[in-house]
Protein backbone atom coordinates (compact mmCIF):
# COMPACT_ATOMS: atom_id res chain seq x y z
CA UNK A 1 0.00 0.00 0.00
CA UNK A 2 2.84 2.43 0.75
CA UNK A 3 4.33 1.99 -2.71
CA UNK A 4 1.06 2.94 -4.33
CA UNK A 5 0.67 6.01 -2.11
CA UNK A 6 4.11 7.20 -3.18
CA UNK A 7 3.11 6.93 -6.83
CA UNK A 8 0.03 9.07 -6.22
CA UNK A 9 2.04 11.87 -4.63
CA UNK A 10 4.43 12.30 -7.54
CA UNK A 11 1.91 13.49 -10.19
CA UNK A 12 0.30 15.87 -7.70
CA UNK A 13 3.64 17.42 -6.85
CA UNK A 14 4.53 17.65 -10.53
CA UNK A 15 1.17 19.27 -11.33
CA UNK A 16 1.57 21.75 -8.48
CA UNK A 17 5.06 22.63 -9.72
CA UNK A 18 3.83 23.19 -13.28
CA UNK A 19 0.99 25.37 -12.00
CA UNK A 20 3.40 27.39 -9.85
CA UNK A 21 5.74 27.95 -12.80
CA UNK A 22 2.82 28.97 -15.00
CA UNK A 23 1.57 31.39 -12.37
CA UNK A 24 5.01 32.96 -12.04
CA UNK A 25 5.40 33.34 -15.80
CA UNK A 26 1.96 34.88 -16.30
CA UNK A 27 1.97 37.27 -13.36
CA UNK A 28 5.68 37.75 -12.77
CA UNK A 29 6.83 38.45 -16.30
CA UNK A 30 3.59 39.92 -17.64
CA UNK A 31 4.92 43.47 -17.60
CA UNK A 32 7.86 42.38 -19.76
CA UNK A 33 5.74 40.70 -22.43
CA UNK A 34 5.27 43.16 -25.25
CA UNK A 35 3.56 42.90 -28.60
CA UNK A 36 5.51 43.10 -31.82
CA UNK A 37 5.65 46.88 -31.44
CA UNK A 38 4.63 47.62 -35.00
CA UNK A 39 5.20 51.35 -35.54
CA UNK A 40 2.16 51.73 -37.79
CA UNK A 41 -0.09 49.95 -35.30
CA UNK A 42 1.22 52.09 -32.45
CA UNK A 43 0.63 55.38 -34.26
CA UNK A 44 -2.86 54.33 -35.37
CA UNK A 45 -3.92 53.36 -31.86
CA UNK A 46 -2.24 56.36 -30.22
CA UNK A 47 -3.84 58.74 -32.71
CA UNK A 48 -7.28 57.25 -32.16
CA UNK A 49 -7.40 58.19 -28.51
CA UNK A 50 -8.83 56.43 -25.51
CA UNK A 51 -11.84 54.74 -27.23
CA UNK A 52 -9.58 53.05 -29.79
CA UNK A 53 -7.19 51.85 -27.10
CA UNK A 54 -10.08 50.45 -25.08
CA UNK A 55 -11.57 48.72 -28.14
CA UNK A 56 -8.20 47.20 -29.03
CA UNK A 57 -7.74 45.86 -25.51
CA UNK A 58 -11.24 44.36 -25.56
CA UNK A 59 -10.54 42.77 -28.95
CA UNK A 60 -7.36 41.21 -27.66
CA UNK A 61 -9.25 39.62 -24.76
CA UNK A 62 -12.02 38.36 -27.05
CA UNK A 63 -9.52 36.83 -29.47
CA UNK A 64 -7.60 35.24 -26.59
CA UNK A 65 -10.57 33.32 -25.14
CA UNK A 66 -10.99 30.55 -27.81
CA UNK A 67 -7.33 29.43 -27.86
CA UNK A 68 -7.20 29.37 -24.06
CA UNK A 69 -10.39 27.31 -23.86
CA UNK A 70 -9.19 24.89 -26.55
CA UNK A 71 -5.78 24.45 -24.92
CA UNK A 72 -7.32 24.00 -21.46
CA UNK A 73 -9.85 21.47 -22.74
CA UNK A 74 -7.19 19.50 -24.59
CA UNK A 75 -4.93 19.51 -21.53
CA UNK A 76 -7.74 18.26 -19.26
CA UNK A 77 -8.73 15.61 -21.81
CA UNK A 78 -5.16 14.33 -22.14
CA UNK A 79 -4.65 14.35 -18.38
CA UNK A 80 -7.85 12.32 -17.81
CA UNK A 81 -6.92 9.92 -20.60
CA UNK A 82 -3.47 9.43 -19.10
CA UNK A 83 -4.80 8.81 -15.59
CA UNK A 84 -7.49 6.42 -16.81
CA UNK A 85 -4.93 4.48 -18.86
CA UNK A 86 -2.56 4.25 -15.87
CA UNK A 87 -5.36 3.08 -13.55
CA UNK A 88 -6.25 0.27 -15.98
CA UNK A 89 -2.63 -0.92 -15.96
CA UNK A 90 -2.86 -1.90 -12.27
């Protein structure tokens, strides 16, 4: 029984470590992540004023949602498939 308990702890620790690294990358280095800094894009947005900046930020969020949902769903699906396949092996 002790050997099996040790095997269960390892994936949880690994998952927690991956989540911690992801959290640090997203929130720790977020201020250093810049766009491509296209000069034409910058002048267009800066010349448009506050409404254009706000619309651009909203558009970025809207366009970010589908890839995040797809990646999250695929990750959860693969994780469940992996755990179900490993539980059938025992």
